[in-house]
C-alpha atoms as a PDB file:
ATOM      1  CA  MET A   1     -34.717 -29.509  -1.404  1.00  0.00           C
ATOM      2  CA  PHE A   2     -31.116 -28.520  -0.602  1.00  0.00           C
ATOM      3  CA  GLY A   3     -32.289 -26.490   2.387  1.00  0.00           C
ATOM      4  CA  ILE A   4     -34.088 -23.965   0.182  1.00  0.00           C
ATOM      5  CA  GLY A   5     -37.538 -22.998   1.348  1.00  0.00           C
ATOM      6  CA  THR A   6     -40.540 -21.841  -0.632  1.00  0.00           C
ATOM      7  CA  THR A   7     -39.793 -18.173  -0.052  1.00  0.00           C
ATOM      8  CA  GLU A   8     -36.251 -18.516  -1.351  1.00  0.00           C
ATOM      9  CA  LEU A   9     -37.456 -20.340  -4.464  1.00  0.00           C
ATOM     10  CA  ILE A  10     -39.988 -17.595  -5.212  1.00  0.00           C
ATOM     11  CA  ILE A  11     -37.298 -14.922  -4.821  1.00  0.00           C
ATOM     12  CA  ILE A  12     -34.920 -16.835  -7.124  1.00  0.00           C
ATOM     13  CA  MET A  13     -37.651 -17.273  -9.759  1.00  0.00           C
ATOM     14  CA  PHE A  14     -38.476 -13.561  -9.559  1.00  0.00           C
ATOM     15  CA  ILE A  15     -34.816 -12.618 -10.044  1.00  0.00           C
ATOM     16  CA  ILE A  16     -34.550 -14.953 -13.054  1.00  0.00           C
ATOM     17  CA  LEU A  17     -37.700 -13.373 -14.493  1.00  0.00           C
ATOM     18  CA  LEU A  18     -36.219  -9.898 -14.064  1.00  0.00           C
ATOM     19  CA  ILE A  19     -32.876 -10.864 -15.607  1.00  0.00           C
ATOM     20  CA  PHE A  20     -34.128 -12.726 -18.671  1.00  0.00           C
ATOM     21  CA  GLY A  21     -37.587 -11.261 -19.168  1.00  0.00           C
ATOM     22  CA  ALA A  22     -40.891 -12.997 -19.810  1.00  0.00           C
ATOM     23  CA  LYS A  23     -40.251 -13.454 -23.540  1.00  0.00           C
ATOM     24  CA  LYS A  24     -36.914 -15.245 -23.098  1.00  0.00           C
ATOM     25  CA  LEU A  25     -37.998 -17.718 -20.395  1.00  0.00           C
ATOM     26  CA  PRO A  26     -39.861 -20.109 -22.756  1.00  0.00           C
ATOM     27  CA  GLU A  27     -36.869 -20.151 -25.103  1.00  0.00           C
ATOM     28  CA  LEU A  28     -34.505 -20.885 -22.218  1.00  0.00           C
ATOM     29  CA  ALA A  29     -36.751 -23.660 -20.923  1.00  0.00           C
ATOM     30  CA  GLN A  30     -36.988 -25.179 -24.413  1.00  0.00           C
ATOM     31  CA  GLY A  31     -33.212 -25.099 -24.801  1.00  0.00           C
ATOM     32  CA  LEU A  32     -32.773 -26.672 -21.380  1.00  0.00           C
ATOM     33  CA  GLY A  33     -35.257 -29.424 -22.274  1.00  0.00           C
ATOM     34  CA  LYS A  34     -33.445 -30.189 -25.519  1.00  0.00           C
ATOM     35  CA  GLY A  35     -30.132 -30.346 -23.688  1.00  0.00           C
ATOM     36  CA  ILE A  36     -31.477 -32.763 -21.091  1.00  0.00           C
ATOM     37  CA  ARG A  37     -33.054 -34.911 -23.823  1.00  0.00           C
ATOM     38  CA  GLU A  38     -29.759 -35.104 -25.737  1.00  0.00           C
ATOM     39  CA  PHE A  39     -27.891 -35.997 -22.547  1.00  0.00           C
ATOM     40  CA  LYS A  40     -30.310 -38.835 -21.777  1.00  0.00           C
ATOM     41  CA  LYS A  41     -30.073 -40.084 -25.355  1.00  0.00           C
ATOM     42  CA  ALA A  42     -26.273 -40.113 -25.233  1.00  0.00           C
ATOM     43  CA  SER A  43     -26.202 -41.875 -21.873  1.00  0.00           C
ATOM     44  CA  ASN A  44     -28.661 -44.521 -23.124  1.00  0.00           C
ATOM     45  CA  GLU A  45     -26.514 -45.098 -26.215  1.00  0.00           C
ATOM     46  CA  ILE A  46     -23.443 -45.572 -24.025  1.00  0.00           C
ATOM     47  CA  GLN A  47     -25.296 -48.040 -21.787  1.00  0.00           C
ATOM     48  CA  ASP A  48     -26.532 -49.970 -24.829  1.00  0.00           C
ATOM     49  CA  GLU A  49     -23.012 -50.088 -26.222  1.00  0.00           C
ATOM     50  CA  LEU A  50     -21.601 -51.377 -22.933  1.00  0.00           C
ATOM     51  CA  ASN A  51     -24.364 -53.980 -22.658  1.00  0.00           C
ATOM     52  CA  PHE A  52     -23.750 -55.035 -26.267  1.00  0.00           C
ATOM     53  CA  ASP A  53     -20.195 -56.041 -25.421  1.00  0.00           C
ATOM     54  CA  LYS A  54     -21.372 -58.507 -22.766  1.00  0.00           C
ATOM     55  CA  PRO A  55     -22.197 -61.971 -24.087  1.00  0.00           C
ATOM     56  CA  ASP A  56     -25.857 -62.803 -23.878  1.00  0.00           C
ATOM     57  CA  GLU A  57     -26.932 -65.700 -21.764  1.00  0.00           C
ATOM     58  CA  ILE A  58     -27.874 -68.735 -23.745  1.00  0.00           C
ATOM     59  CA  LYS A  59     -31.580 -69.089 -23.323  1.00  0.00           C
ATOM     60  CA  PRO A  60     -33.270 -72.358 -24.229  1.00  0.00           C
ATOM     61  CA  THR A  61     -35.835 -72.152 -26.960  1.00  0.00           C
ATOM     62  CA  LYS A  62     -39.442 -73.001 -26.380  1.00  0.00           C
ATOM     63  CA  GLU A  63     -38.937 -76.426 -27.924  1.00  0.00           C
ATOM     64  CA  GLU A  64     -35.958 -77.199 -25.672  1.00  0.00           C
ATOM     65  CA  LYS A  65     -37.881 -76.136 -22.568  1.00  0.00           C
ATOM     66  CA  SER A  66     -40.831 -78.410 -23.157  1.00  0.00           C
ATOM     67  CA  GLU A  67     -40.270 -82.042 -22.359  1.00  0.00           C
ATOM     68  CA  PRO A  68     -42.484 -84.778 -23.721  1.00  0.00           C
ATOM     69  CA  GLU A  69     -45.331 -85.472 -21.383  1.00  0.00           C
ATOM     70  CA  PRO A  70     -45.246 -88.949 -19.838  1.00  0.00           C
ATOM     71  CA  LYS A  71     -47.995 -91.154 -21.133  1.00  0.00           C
ATOM     72  CA  SER A  72     -50.342 -92.637 -18.653  1.00  0.00           C
ATOM     73  CA  ALA A  73     -50.523 -96.404 -18.257  1.00  0.00           C
ATOM     74  CA  LYS A  74     -54.066 -96.441 -19.664  1.00  0.00           C
ATOM     75  CA  GLU A  75     -53.034 -94.753 -22.924  1.00  0.00           C
ATOM     76  CA  GLU A  76     -50.201 -97.221 -23.465  1.00  0.00           C
ATOM     77  CA  LYS A  77     -52.483-100.236 -22.877  1.00  0.00           C
ATOM     78  CA  THR A  78     -55.171 -98.980 -25.272  1.00  0.00           C
ATOM     79  CA  LYS A  79     -52.679 -98.650 -28.126  1.00  0.00           C
ATOM     80  CA  ASP A  80     -51.505-102.278 -27.773  1.00  0.00           C
END
C-alpha cells in the first residue's frame, strides 16, 4: 500500500491518536464517512444525468419478440 509497511501505519495511527485524542477520533471518522457518502451520491447523480441524455435503445416488447408458432401438419388436417 504505497510502500508503507505495517510499522509505519501503526506509528501514523499513534500520532493521529495523540494529535486528536480518543474522544475526537469517532467524530472525525463519522465526518469522513458522511463526506465520502455525499461524494458518492453526487457522482452517481452526475452519471445518471449523463446517461439520461443518451437515447435509450428501442427494445422490442414481449409481444413483438414472440412469433406465432408454426402449426404442425397433423393439427391443420384435423381442423379440416
